[in-house]
Amino acid sequence: MVEILLSGIVLGLVPITLIGLLMAAYFQYQRSKAAS
């Protein structure tokens, strides 16, 4: 039962983490482009 819960949490967090990283990298890129 615990394994199902953990796998569900992991599957839920992975896409959110990836999207968060992509957005952070994108905003970083936009800021450096605007600054230069």
Protein backbone atom coordinates (compact mmCIF):
# COMPACT_ATOMS: atom_id res chain seq x y z
CA MET A 1 0.00 0.00 0.00
CA VAL A 2 2.80 2.43 0.89
CA GLU A 3 4.63 1.71 -2.37
CA ILE A 4 1.57 2.73 -4.40
CA LEU A 5 1.32 5.98 -2.44
CA LEU A 6 5.03 6.74 -2.87
CA SER A 7 4.99 5.97 -6.60
CA GLY A 8 1.96 8.24 -6.97
CA ILE A 9 3.75 11.07 -5.15
CA VAL A 10 6.89 10.60 -7.26
CA LEU A 11 4.92 10.51 -10.52
CA GLY A 12 3.14 13.68 -9.44
CA LEU A 13 6.29 15.53 -8.40
CA VAL A 14 8.56 14.67 -11.34
CA PRO A 15 6.62 16.64 -14.02
CA ILE A 16 6.17 19.60 -11.65
CA THR A 17 9.91 19.61 -10.90
CA LEU A 18 10.80 19.44 -14.61
CA ILE A 19 8.41 22.28 -15.46
CA GLY A 20 9.81 24.33 -12.58
CA LEU A 21 13.38 23.81 -13.79
CA LEU A 22 12.46 24.69 -17.38
CA MET A 23 10.69 27.86 -16.27
CA ALA A 24 13.61 28.87 -14.04
CA ALA A 25 16.08 28.32 -16.89
CA TYR A 26 13.84 30.24 -19.31
CA PHE A 27 13.48 33.25 -16.99
CA GLN A 28 17.25 33.18 -16.35
CA TYR A 29 17.84 33.21 -20.13
CA GLN A 30 15.37 36.05 -20.70
CA ARG A 31 16.95 38.13 -17.94
CA SER A 32 20.52 37.63 -19.21
CA LYS A 33 19.37 38.45 -22.76
CA ALA A 34 17.66 41.65 -21.59
CA ALA A 35 20.66 42.69 -19.48
CA SER A 36 23.21 42.36 -22.28
